[in-house]
Amino acid sequence: GRSPEELATDLTDFLDRELPPSEWAVGELTAGGFRALASTFRETP
């Protein structure tokens, strides 16, 4: 992983490819909530 954004994209693609069809997002959990850096969600949950 070279940056948080690139690592999030790599992991999201990996999980979407390796596990049964689900919607995935990798991001940051902050005091304000969850901020997705990469996502396969069709709509922001």
ModelCIF file with pLDDT and N, C-alpha, C, O atoms, coordinates in Angstrom:
data_MODEL
#
_entry.id   MODEL 
#
_entity.id                         1 
_entity.type                       polymer 
_entity.pdbx_number_of_molecules   1 
#
_entity_poly.entity_id                      1 
_entity_poly.type                           'polypeptide(L)' 
_entity_poly.nstd_linkage                   no 
_entity_poly.nstd_monomer                   no 
_entity_poly.pdbx_seq_one_letter_code       GRSPEELATDLTDFLDRELPPSEWAVGELTAGGFRALASTFRETP 
_entity_poly.pdbx_seq_one_letter_code_can   GRSPEELATDLTDFLDRELPPSEWAVGELTAGGFRALASTFRETP 
_entity_poly.pdbx_strand_id                 A 
#
loop_
_entity_poly_seq.entity_id 
_entity_poly_seq.num 
_entity_poly_seq.mon_id 
_entity_poly_seq.hetero 
1 1  GLY n 
1 2  ARG n 
1 3  SER n 
1 4  PRO n 
1 5  GLU n 
1 6  GLU n 
1 7  LEU n 
1 8  ALA n 
1 9  THR n 
1 10 ASP n 
1 11 LEU n 
1 12 THR n 
1 13 ASP n 
1 14 PHE n 
1 15 LEU n 
1 16 ASP n 
1 17 ARG n 
1 18 GLU n 
1 19 LEU n 
1 20 PRO n 
1 21 PRO n 
1 22 SER n 
1 23 GLU n 
1 24 TRP n 
1 25 ALA n 
1 26 VAL n 
1 27 GLY n 
1 28 GLU n 
1 29 LEU n 
1 30 THR n 
1 31 ALA n 
1 32 GLY n 
1 33 GLY n 
1 34 PHE n 
1 35 ARG n 
1 36 ALA n 
1 37 LEU n 
1 38 ALA n 
1 39 SER n 
1 40 THR n 
1 41 PHE n 
1 42 ARG n 
1 43 GLU n 
1 44 THR n 
1 45 PRO n 
#
_struct_asym.id          A 
_struct_asym.entity_id   1 
#
loop_
_ma_qa_metric.id 
_ma_qa_metric.mode 
_ma_qa_metric.name 
_ma_qa_metric.software_group_id 
_ma_qa_metric.type 
1 global pLDDT . pLDDT 
2 local  pLDDT . pLDDT 
#
_ma_qa_metric_global.metric_id      1 
_ma_qa_metric_global.metric_value   84.64 
_ma_qa_metric_global.model_id       1 
_ma_qa_metric_global.ordinal_id     1 
#
loop_
_ma_qa_metric_local.label_asym_id 
_ma_qa_metric_local.label_comp_id 
_ma_qa_metric_local.label_seq_id 
_ma_qa_metric_local.metric_id 
_ma_qa_metric_local.metric_value 
_ma_qa_metric_local.model_id 
_ma_qa_metric_local.ordinal_id 
A GLY 1  2 63.00 1 1  
A ARG 2  2 70.00 1 2  
A SER 3  2 81.00 1 3  
A PRO 4  2 85.00 1 4  
A GLU 5  2 86.00 1 5  
A GLU 6  2 86.00 1 6  
A LEU 7  2 88.00 1 7  
A ALA 8  2 88.00 1 8  
A THR 9  2 88.00 1 9  
A ASP 10 2 88.00 1 10 
A LEU 11 2 91.00 1 11 
A THR 12 2 89.00 1 12 
A ASP 13 2 87.00 1 13 
A PHE 14 2 89.00 1 14 
A LEU 15 2 90.00 1 15 
A ASP 16 2 85.00 1 16 
A ARG 17 2 83.00 1 17 
A GLU 18 2 83.00 1 18 
A LEU 19 2 83.00 1 19 
A PRO 20 2 73.00 1 20 
A PRO 21 2 73.00 1 21 
A SER 22 2 81.00 1 22 
A GLU 23 2 87.00 1 23 
A TRP 24 2 91.00 1 24 
A ALA 25 2 91.00 1 25 
A VAL 26 2 92.00 1 26 
A GLY 27 2 91.00 1 27 
A GLU 28 2 90.00 1 28 
A LEU 29 2 89.00 1 29 
A THR 30 2 86.00 1 30 
A ALA 31 2 82.00 1 31 
A GLY 32 2 83.00 1 32 
A GLY 33 2 88.00 1 33 
A PHE 34 2 90.00 1 34 
A ARG 35 2 89.00 1 35 
A ALA 36 2 89.00 1 36 
A LEU 37 2 88.00 1 37 
A ALA 38 2 88.00 1 38 
A SER 39 2 88.00 1 39 
A THR 40 2 85.00 1 40 
A PHE 41 2 85.00 1 41 
A ARG 42 2 77.00 1 42 
A GLU 43 2 77.00 1 43 
A THR 44 2 77.00 1 44 
A PRO 45 2 76.00 1 45 
#
loop_
_atom_site.group_PDB 
_atom_site.id 
_atom_site.type_symbol 
_atom_site.label_atom_id 
_atom_site.label_alt_id 
_atom_site.label_comp_id 
_atom_site.label_asym_id 
_atom_site.label_entity_id 
_atom_site.label_seq_id 
_atom_site.pdbx_PDB_ins_code 
_atom_site.Cartn_x 
_atom_site.Cartn_y 
_atom_site.Cartn_z 
_atom_site.occupancy 
_atom_site.B_iso_or_equiv 
_atom_site.pdbx_formal_charge 
_atom_site.auth_seq_id 
_atom_site.auth_comp_id 
_atom_site.auth_asym_id 
_atom_site.auth_atom_id 
_atom_site.pdbx_PDB_model_num 
ATOM 1   N N  . GLY A 1 1  ? 0.817   -1.208  0.000  1.00 63.00 ? 1  GLY A N  1 
ATOM 2   C CA . GLY A 1 1  ? 0.000   0.000   0.000  1.00 63.00 ? 1  GLY A CA 1 
ATOM 3   C C  . GLY A 1 1  ? 0.854   1.262   0.000  1.00 63.00 ? 1  GLY A C  1 
ATOM 4   O O  . GLY A 1 1  ? 1.763   1.409   0.816  1.00 63.00 ? 1  GLY A O  1 
ATOM 5   N N  . ARG A 1 2  ? 0.553   2.165   -0.918 1.00 70.00 ? 2  ARG A N  1 
ATOM 6   C CA . ARG A 1 2  ? 1.344   3.388   -1.059 1.00 70.00 ? 2  ARG A CA 1 
ATOM 7   C C  . ARG A 1 2  ? 0.667   4.591   -0.418 1.00 70.00 ? 2  ARG A C  1 
ATOM 8   O O  . ARG A 1 2  ? 1.347   5.536   -0.020 1.00 70.00 ? 2  ARG A O  1 
ATOM 9   N N  . SER A 1 3  ? -0.649  4.576   -0.311 1.00 81.00 ? 3  SER A N  1 
ATOM 10  C CA . SER A 1 3  ? -1.393  5.653   0.316  1.00 81.00 ? 3  SER A CA 1 
ATOM 11  C C  . SER A 1 3  ? -2.702  5.068   0.820  1.00 81.00 ? 3  SER A C  1 
ATOM 12  O O  . SER A 1 3  ? -3.103  3.994   0.371  1.00 81.00 ? 3  SER A O  1 
ATOM 13  N N  . PRO A 1 4  ? -3.379  5.744   1.740  1.00 85.00 ? 4  PRO A N  1 
ATOM 14  C CA . PRO A 1 4  ? -4.674  5.216   2.209  1.00 85.00 ? 4  PRO A CA 1 
ATOM 15  C C  . PRO A 1 4  ? -5.660  4.986   1.082  1.00 85.00 ? 4  PRO A C  1 
ATOM 16  O O  . PRO A 1 4  ? -6.380  3.988   1.085  1.00 85.00 ? 4  PRO A O  1 
ATOM 17  N N  . GLU A 1 5  ? -5.707  5.910   0.099  1.00 86.00 ? 5  GLU A N  1 
ATOM 18  C CA . GLU A 1 5  ? -6.660  5.772   -0.994 1.00 86.00 ? 5  GLU A CA 1 
ATOM 19  C C  . GLU A 1 5  ? -6.347  4.557   -1.870 1.00 86.00 ? 5  GLU A C  1 
ATOM 20  O O  . GLU A 1 5  ? -7.250  3.807   -2.242 1.00 86.00 ? 5  GLU A O  1 
ATOM 21  N N  . GLU A 1 6  ? -5.064  4.364   -2.198 1.00 86.00 ? 6  GLU A N  1 
ATOM 22  C CA . GLU A 1 6  ? -4.689  3.239   -3.052 1.00 86.00 ? 6  GLU A CA 1 
ATOM 23  C C  . GLU A 1 6  ? -4.877  1.913   -2.335 1.00 86.00 ? 6  GLU A C  1 
ATOM 24  O O  . GLU A 1 6  ? -5.317  0.935   -2.939 1.00 86.00 ? 6  GLU A O  1 
ATOM 25  N N  . LEU A 1 7  ? -4.543  1.875   -1.044 1.00 88.00 ? 7  LEU A N  1 
ATOM 26  C CA . LEU A 1 7  ? -4.736  0.643   -0.282 1.00 88.00 ? 7  LEU A CA 1 
ATOM 27  C C  . LEU A 1 7  ? -6.224  0.320   -0.177 1.00 88.00 ? 7  LEU A C  1 
ATOM 28  O O  . LEU A 1 7  ? -6.612  -0.839  -0.321 1.00 88.00 ? 7  LEU A O  1 
ATOM 29  N N  . ALA A 1 8  ? -7.058  1.321   0.069  1.00 88.00 ? 8  ALA A N  1 
ATOM 30  C CA . ALA A 1 8  ? -8.499  1.096   0.166  1.00 88.00 ? 8  ALA A CA 1 
ATOM 31  C C  . ALA A 1 8  ? -9.048  0.552   -1.148 1.00 88.00 ? 8  ALA A C  1 
ATOM 32  O O  . ALA A 1 8  ? -9.880  -0.355  -1.145 1.00 88.00 ? 8  ALA A O  1 
ATOM 33  N N  . THR A 1 9  ? -8.589  1.097   -2.262 1.00 88.00 ? 9  THR A N  1 
ATOM 34  C CA . THR A 1 9  ? -9.042  0.626   -3.579 1.00 88.00 ? 9  THR A CA 1 
ATOM 35  C C  . THR A 1 9  ? -8.616  -0.815  -3.813 1.00 88.00 ? 9  THR A C  1 
ATOM 36  O O  . THR A 1 9  ? -9.411  -1.627  -4.287 1.00 88.00 ? 9  THR A O  1 
ATOM 37  N N  . ASP A 1 10 ? -7.361  -1.144  -3.483 1.00 88.00 ? 10 ASP A N  1 
ATOM 38  C CA . ASP A 1 10 ? -6.871  -2.514  -3.674 1.00 88.00 ? 10 ASP A CA 1 
ATOM 39  C C  . ASP A 1 10 ? -7.660  -3.501  -2.822 1.00 88.00 ? 10 ASP A C  1 
ATOM 40  O O  . ASP A 1 10 ? -8.032  -4.573  -3.300 1.00 88.00 ? 10 ASP A O  1 
ATOM 41  N N  . LEU A 1 11 ? -7.919  -3.149  -1.560 1.00 91.00 ? 11 LEU A N  1 
ATOM 42  C CA . LEU A 1 11 ? -8.633  -4.060  -0.666 1.00 91.00 ? 11 LEU A CA 1 
ATOM 43  C C  . LEU A 1 11 ? -10.092 -4.219  -1.080 1.00 91.00 ? 11 LEU A C  1 
ATOM 44  O O  . LEU A 1 11 ? -10.640 -5.319  -1.001 1.00 91.00 ? 11 LEU A O  1 
ATOM 45  N N  . THR A 1 12 ? -10.726 -3.133  -1.519 1.00 89.00 ? 12 THR A N  1 
ATOM 46  C CA . THR A 1 12 ? -12.120 -3.222  -1.959 1.00 89.00 ? 12 THR A CA 1 
ATOM 47  C C  . THR A 1 12 ? -12.237 -4.139  -3.170 1.00 89.00 ? 12 THR A C  1 
ATOM 48  O O  . THR A 1 12 ? -13.130 -4.983  -3.228 1.00 89.00 ? 12 THR A O  1 
ATOM 49  N N  . ASP A 1 13 ? -11.340 -3.977  -4.133 1.00 87.00 ? 13 ASP A N  1 
ATOM 50  C CA . ASP A 1 13 ? -11.351 -4.843  -5.313 1.00 87.00 ? 13 ASP A CA 1 
ATOM 51  C C  . ASP A 1 13 ? -11.096 -6.299  -4.915 1.00 87.00 ? 13 ASP A C  1 
ATOM 52  O O  . ASP A 1 13 ? -11.725 -7.210  -5.454 1.00 87.00 ? 13 ASP A O  1 
ATOM 53  N N  . PHE A 1 14 ? -10.182 -6.516  -3.980 1.00 89.00 ? 14 PHE A N  1 
ATOM 54  C CA . PHE A 1 14 ? -9.842  -7.870  -3.534 1.00 89.00 ? 14 PHE A CA 1 
ATOM 55  C C  . PHE A 1 14 ? -11.054 -8.541  -2.880 1.00 89.00 ? 14 PHE A C  1 
ATOM 56  O O  . PHE A 1 14 ? -11.385 -9.679  -3.211 1.00 89.00 ? 14 PHE A O  1 
ATOM 57  N N  . LEU A 1 15 ? -11.716 -7.835  -1.951 1.00 90.00 ? 15 LEU A N  1 
ATOM 58  C CA . LEU A 1 15 ? -12.865 -8.415  -1.254 1.00 90.00 ? 15 LEU A CA 1 
ATOM 59  C C  . LEU A 1 15 ? -14.018 -8.678  -2.219 1.00 90.00 ? 15 LEU A C  1 
ATOM 60  O O  . LEU A 1 15 ? -14.701 -9.696  -2.104 1.00 90.00 ? 15 LEU A O  1 
ATOM 61  N N  . ASP A 1 16 ? -14.237 -7.776  -3.162 1.00 85.00 ? 16 ASP A N  1 
ATOM 62  C CA . ASP A 1 16 ? -15.306 -7.951  -4.136 1.00 85.00 ? 16 ASP A CA 1 
ATOM 63  C C  . ASP A 1 16 ? -15.028 -9.145  -5.045 1.00 85.00 ? 16 ASP A C  1 
ATOM 64  O O  . ASP A 1 16 ? -15.956 -9.794  -5.528 1.00 85.00 ? 16 ASP A O  1 
ATOM 65  N N  . ARG A 1 17 ? -13.753 -9.432  -5.275 1.00 83.00 ? 17 ARG A N  1 
ATOM 66  C CA . ARG A 1 17 ? -13.366 -10.530 -6.155 1.00 83.00 ? 17 ARG A CA 1 
ATOM 67  C C  . ARG A 1 17 ? -13.355 -11.877 -5.443 1.00 83.00 ? 17 ARG A C  1 
ATOM 68  O O  . ARG A 1 17 ? -13.701 -12.893 -6.046 1.00 83.00 ? 17 ARG A O  1 
ATOM 69  N N  . GLU A 1 18 ? -12.967 -11.902 -4.183 1.00 83.00 ? 18 GLU A N  1 
ATOM 70  C CA . GLU A 1 18 ? -12.708 -13.164 -3.496 1.00 83.00 ? 18 GLU A CA 1 
ATOM 71  C C  . GLU A 1 18 ? -13.880 -13.701 -2.679 1.00 83.00 ? 18 GLU A C  1 
ATOM 72  O O  . GLU A 1 18 ? -13.971 -14.910 -2.464 1.00 83.00 ? 18 GLU A O  1 
ATOM 73  N N  . LEU A 1 19 ? -14.775 -12.833 -2.220 1.00 83.00 ? 19 LEU A N  1 
ATOM 74  C CA . LEU A 1 19 ? -15.883 -13.286 -1.397 1.00 83.00 ? 19 LEU A CA 1 
ATOM 75  C C  . LEU A 1 19 ? -17.183 -13.204 -2.187 1.00 83.00 ? 19 LEU A C  1 
ATOM 76  O O  . LEU A 1 19 ? -17.252 -12.479 -3.179 1.00 83.00 ? 19 LEU A O  1 
ATOM 77  N N  . PRO A 1 20 ? -18.221 -13.937 -1.766 1.00 73.00 ? 20 PRO A N  1 
ATOM 78  C CA . PRO A 1 20 ? -19.488 -13.952 -2.508 1.00 73.00 ? 20 PRO A CA 1 
ATOM 79  C C  . PRO A 1 20 ? -20.047 -12.549 -2.701 1.00 73.00 ? 20 PRO A C  1 
ATOM 80  O O  . PRO A 1 20 ? -19.705 -11.636 -1.950 1.00 73.00 ? 20 PRO A O  1 
ATOM 81  N N  . PRO A 1 21 ? -20.900 -12.373 -3.697 1.00 73.00 ? 21 PRO A N  1 
ATOM 82  C CA . PRO A 1 21 ? -21.368 -11.030 -4.055 1.00 73.00 ? 21 PRO A CA 1 
ATOM 83  C C  . PRO A 1 21 ? -21.921 -10.255 -2.870 1.00 73.00 ? 21 PRO A C  1 
ATOM 84  O O  . PRO A 1 21 ? -22.954 -10.626 -2.314 1.00 73.00 ? 21 PRO A O  1 
ATOM 85  N N  . SER A 1 22 ? -21.256 -9.203  -2.485 1.00 81.00 ? 22 SER A N  1 
ATOM 86  C CA . SER A 1 22 ? -21.662 -8.292  -1.427 1.00 81.00 ? 22 SER A CA 1 
ATOM 87  C C  . SER A 1 22 ? -21.205 -6.906  -1.840 1.00 81.00 ? 22 SER A C  1 
ATOM 88  O O  . SER A 1 22 ? -20.456 -6.754  -2.804 1.00 81.00 ? 22 SER A O  1 
ATOM 89  N N  . GLU A 1 23 ? -21.656 -5.894  -1.112 1.00 87.00 ? 23 GLU A N  1 
ATOM 90  C CA . GLU A 1 23 ? -21.210 -4.540  -1.369 1.00 87.00 ? 23 GLU A CA 1 
ATOM 91  C C  . GLU A 1 23 ? -20.173 -4.166  -0.322 1.00 87.00 ? 23 GLU A C  1 
ATOM 92  O O  . GLU A 1 23 ? -20.379 -4.396  0.870  1.00 87.00 ? 23 GLU A O  1 
ATOM 93  N N  . TRP A 1 24 ? -19.052 -3.586  -0.765 1.00 91.00 ? 24 TRP A N  1 
ATOM 94  C CA . TRP A 1 24 ? -17.906 -3.351  0.106  1.00 91.00 ? 24 TRP A CA 1 
ATOM 95  C C  . TRP A 1 24 ? -17.491 -1.882  0.083  1.00 91.00 ? 24 TRP A C  1 
ATOM 96  O O  . TRP A 1 24 ? -17.686 -1.175  -0.906 1.00 91.00 ? 24 TRP A O  1 
ATOM 97  N N  . ALA A 1 25 ? -16.916 -1.446  1.199  1.00 91.00 ? 25 ALA A N  1 
ATOM 98  C CA . ALA A 1 25 ? -16.295 -0.121  1.261  1.00 91.00 ? 25 ALA A CA 1 
ATOM 99  C C  . ALA A 1 25 ? -15.172 -0.193  2.282  1.00 91.00 ? 25 ALA A C  1 
ATOM 100 O O  . ALA A 1 25 ? -15.317 -0.824  3.329  1.00 91.00 ? 25 ALA A O  1 
ATOM 101 N N  . VAL A 1 26 ? -14.060 0.447   1.981  1.00 92.00 ? 26 VAL A N  1 
ATOM 102 C CA . VAL A 1 26 ? -12.931 0.577   2.902  1.00 92.00 ? 26 VAL A CA 1 
ATOM 103 C C  . VAL A 1 26 ? -12.673 2.069   3.074  1.00 92.00 ? 26 VAL A C  1 
ATOM 104 O O  . VAL A 1 26 ? -12.568 2.805   2.092  1.00 92.00 ? 26 VAL A O  1 
ATOM 105 N N  . GLY A 1 27 ? -12.572 2.511   4.323  1.00 91.00 ? 27 GLY A N  1 
ATOM 106 C CA . GLY A 1 27 ? -12.394 3.932   4.557  1.00 91.00 ? 27 GLY A CA 1 
ATOM 107 C C  . GLY A 1 27 ? -11.939 4.234   5.960  1.00 91.00 ? 27 GLY A C  1 
ATOM 108 O O  . GLY A 1 27 ? -11.272 3.421   6.599  1.00 91.00 ? 27 GLY A O  1 
ATOM 109 N N  . GLU A 1 28 ? -12.303 5.412   6.439  1.00 90.00 ? 28 GLU A N  1 
ATOM 110 C CA . GLU A 1 28 ? -11.863 5.894   7.741  1.00 90.00 ? 28 GLU A CA 1 
ATOM 111 C C  . GLU A 1 28 ? -13.063 6.069   8.665  1.00 90.00 ? 28 GLU A C  1 
ATOM 112 O O  . GLU A 1 28 ? -14.100 6.598   8.263  1.00 90.00 ? 28 GLU A O  1 
ATOM 113 N N  . LEU A 1 29 ? -12.909 5.622   9.896  1.00 89.00 ? 29 LEU A N  1 
ATOM 114 C CA . LEU A 1 29 ? -13.913 5.842   10.931 1.00 89.00 ? 29 LEU A CA 1 
ATOM 115 C C  . LEU A 1 29 ? -13.443 7.009   11.778 1.00 89.00 ? 29 LEU A C  1 
ATOM 116 O O  . LEU A 1 29 ? -12.432 6.909   12.472 1.00 89.00 ? 29 LEU A O  1 
ATOM 117 N N  . THR A 1 30 ? -14.168 8.109   11.726 1.00 86.00 ? 30 THR A N  1 
ATOM 118 C CA . THR A 1 30 ? -13.799 9.315   12.446 1.00 86.00 ? 30 THR A CA 1 
ATOM 119 C C  . THR A 1 30 ? -14.899 9.695   13.423 1.00 86.00 ? 30 THR A C  1 
ATOM 120 O O  . THR A 1 30 ? -15.926 9.023   13.515 1.00 86.00 ? 30 THR A O  1 
ATOM 121 N N  . ALA A 1 31 ? -14.670 10.776  14.145 1.00 82.00 ? 31 ALA A N  1 
ATOM 122 C CA . ALA A 1 31 ? -15.689 11.257  15.074 1.00 82.00 ? 31 ALA A CA 1 
ATOM 123 C C  . ALA A 1 31 ? -16.960 11.661  14.344 1.00 82.00 ? 31 ALA A C  1 
ATOM 124 O O  . ALA A 1 31 ? -18.051 11.623  14.915 1.00 82.00 ? 31 ALA A O  1 
ATOM 125 N N  . GLY A 1 32 ? -16.817 12.050  13.078 1.00 83.00 ? 32 GLY A N  1 
ATOM 126 C CA . GLY A 1 32 ? -17.979 12.466  12.310 1.00 83.00 ? 32 GLY A CA 1 
ATOM 127 C C  . GLY A 1 32 ? -18.707 11.343  11.608 1.00 83.00 ? 32 GLY A C  1 
ATOM 128 O O  . GLY A 1 32 ? -19.768 11.581  11.030 1.00 83.00 ? 32 GLY A O  1 
ATOM 129 N N  . GLY A 1 33 ? -18.187 10.133  11.632 1.00 88.00 ? 33 GLY A N  1 
ATOM 130 C CA . GLY A 1 33 ? -18.821 9.004   10.980 1.00 88.00 ? 33 GLY A CA 1 
ATOM 131 C C  . GLY A 1 33 ? -17.839 8.205   10.146 1.00 88.00 ? 33 GLY A C  1 
ATOM 132 O O  . GLY A 1 33 ? -16.630 8.268   10.370 1.00 88.00 ? 33 GLY A O  1 
ATOM 133 N N  . PHE A 1 34 ? -18.356 7.450   9.180  1.00 90.00 ? 34 PHE A N  1 
ATOM 134 C CA . PHE A 1 34 ? -17.524 6.626   8.310  1.00 90.00 ? 34 PHE A CA 1 
ATOM 135 C C  . PHE A 1 34 ? -17.382 7.325   6.962  1.00 90.00 ? 34 PHE A C  1 
ATOM 136 O O  . PHE A 1 34 ? -18.379 7.698   6.345  1.00 90.00 ? 34 PHE A O  1 
ATOM 137 N N  . ARG A 1 35 ? -16.139 7.505   6.504  1.00 89.00 ? 35 ARG A N  1 
ATOM 138 C CA . ARG A 1 35 ? -15.859 8.134   5.214  1.00 89.00 ? 35 ARG A CA 1 
ATOM 139 C C  . ARG A 1 35 ? -15.191 7.107   4.310  1.00 89.00 ? 35 ARG A C  1 
ATOM 140 O O  . ARG A 1 35 ? -14.059 6.694   4.561  1.00 89.00 ? 35 ARG A O  1 
ATOM 141 N N  . ALA A 1 36 ? -15.893 6.695   3.260  1.00 89.00 ? 36 ALA A N  1 
ATOM 142 C CA . ALA A 1 36 ? -15.376 5.680   2.350  1.00 89.00 ? 36 ALA A CA 1 
ATOM 143 C C  . ALA A 1 36 ? -14.293 6.262   1.455  1.00 89.00 ? 36 ALA A C  1 
ATOM 144 O O  . ALA A 1 36 ? -14.470 7.332   0.871  1.00 89.00 ? 36 ALA A O  1 
ATOM 145 N N  . LEU A 1 37 ? -13.158 5.550   1.346  1.00 88.00 ? 37 LEU A N  1 
ATOM 146 C CA . LEU A 1 37 ? -12.095 5.915   0.415  1.00 88.00 ? 37 LEU A CA 1 
ATOM 147 C C  . LEU A 1 37 ? -12.232 5.151   -0.899 1.00 88.00 ? 37 LEU A C  1 
ATOM 148 O O  . LEU A 1 37 ? -11.775 5.614   -1.944 1.00 88.00 ? 37 LEU A O  1 
ATOM 149 N N  . ALA A 1 38 ? -12.864 3.978   -0.838 1.00 88.00 ? 38 ALA A N  1 
ATOM 150 C CA . ALA A 1 38 ? -13.158 3.181   -2.029 1.00 88.00 ? 38 ALA A CA 1 
ATOM 151 C C  . ALA A 1 38 ? -14.399 2.358   -1.722 1.00 88.00 ? 38 ALA A C  1 
ATOM 152 O O  . ALA A 1 38 ? -14.574 1.896   -0.594 1.00 88.00 ? 38 ALA A O  1 
ATOM 153 N N  . SER A 1 39 ? -15.263 2.170   -2.717 1.00 88.00 ? 39 SER A N  1 
ATOM 154 C CA . SER A 1 39 ? -16.542 1.527   -2.437 1.00 88.00 ? 39 SER A CA 1 
ATOM 155 C C  . SER A 1 39 ? -17.109 0.869   -3.689 1.00 88.00 ? 39 SER A C  1 
ATOM 156 O O  . SER A 1 39 ? -16.898 1.341   -4.806 1.00 88.00 ? 39 SER A O  1 
ATOM 157 N N  . THR A 1 40 ? -17.843 -0.247  -3.481 1.00 85.00 ? 40 THR A N  1 
ATOM 158 C CA . THR A 1 40 ? -18.617 -0.870  -4.551 1.00 85.00 ? 40 THR A CA 1 
ATOM 159 C C  . THR A 1 40 ? -20.115 -0.713  -4.289 1.00 85.00 ? 40 THR A C  1 
ATOM 160 O O  . THR A 1 40 ? -20.928 -1.293  -5.010 1.00 85.00 ? 40 THR A O  1 
ATOM 161 N N  . PHE A 1 41 ? -20.490 0.060   -3.271 1.00 85.00 ? 41 PHE A N  1 
ATOM 162 C CA . PHE A 1 41 ? -21.897 0.288   -2.980 1.00 85.00 ? 41 PHE A CA 1 
ATOM 163 C C  . PHE A 1 41 ? -22.534 1.043   -4.149 1.00 85.00 ? 41 PHE A C  1 
ATOM 164 O O  . PHE A 1 41 ? -21.978 2.024   -4.642 1.00 85.00 ? 41 PHE A O  1 
ATOM 165 N N  . ARG A 1 42 ? -23.700 0.575   -4.582 1.00 77.00 ? 42 ARG A N  1 
ATOM 166 C CA . ARG A 1 42 ? -24.398 1.262   -5.665 1.00 77.00 ? 42 ARG A CA 1 
ATOM 167 C C  . ARG A 1 42 ? -24.920 2.620   -5.192 1.00 77.00 ? 42 ARG A C  1 
ATOM 168 O O  . ARG A 1 42 ? -24.976 3.570   -5.973 1.00 77.00 ? 42 ARG A O  1 
ATOM 169 N N  . GLU A 1 43 ? -25.297 2.712   -3.924 1.00 77.00 ? 43 GLU A N  1 
ATOM 170 C CA . GLU A 1 43 ? -25.724 3.969   -3.339 1.00 77.00 ? 43 GLU A CA 1 
ATOM 171 C C  . GLU A 1 43 ? -25.021 4.121   -1.992 1.00 77.00 ? 43 GLU A C  1 
ATOM 172 O O  . GLU A 1 43 ? -24.816 3.136   -1.282 1.00 77.00 ? 43 GLU A O  1 
ATOM 173 N N  . THR A 1 44 ? -24.654 5.348   -1.641 1.00 77.00 ? 44 THR A N  1 
ATOM 174 C CA . THR A 1 44 ? -23.980 5.582   -0.370 1.00 77.00 ? 44 THR A CA 1 
ATOM 175 C C  . THR A 1 44 ? -24.894 5.175   0.771  1.00 77.00 ? 44 THR A C  1 
ATOM 176 O O  . THR A 1 44 ? -25.988 5.723   0.903  1.00 77.00 ? 44 THR A O  1 
ATOM 177 N N  . PRO A 1 45 ? -24.468 4.214   1.611  1.00 76.00 ? 45 PRO A N  1 
ATOM 178 C CA . PRO A 1 45 ? -25.356 3.734   2.678  1.00 76.00 ? 45 PRO A CA 1 
ATOM 179 C C  . PRO A 1 45 ? -25.477 4.748   3.812  1.00 76.00 ? 45 PRO A C  1 
ATOM 180 O O  . PRO A 1 45 ? -26.186 4.501   4.788  1.00 76.00 ? 45 PRO A O  1 
#
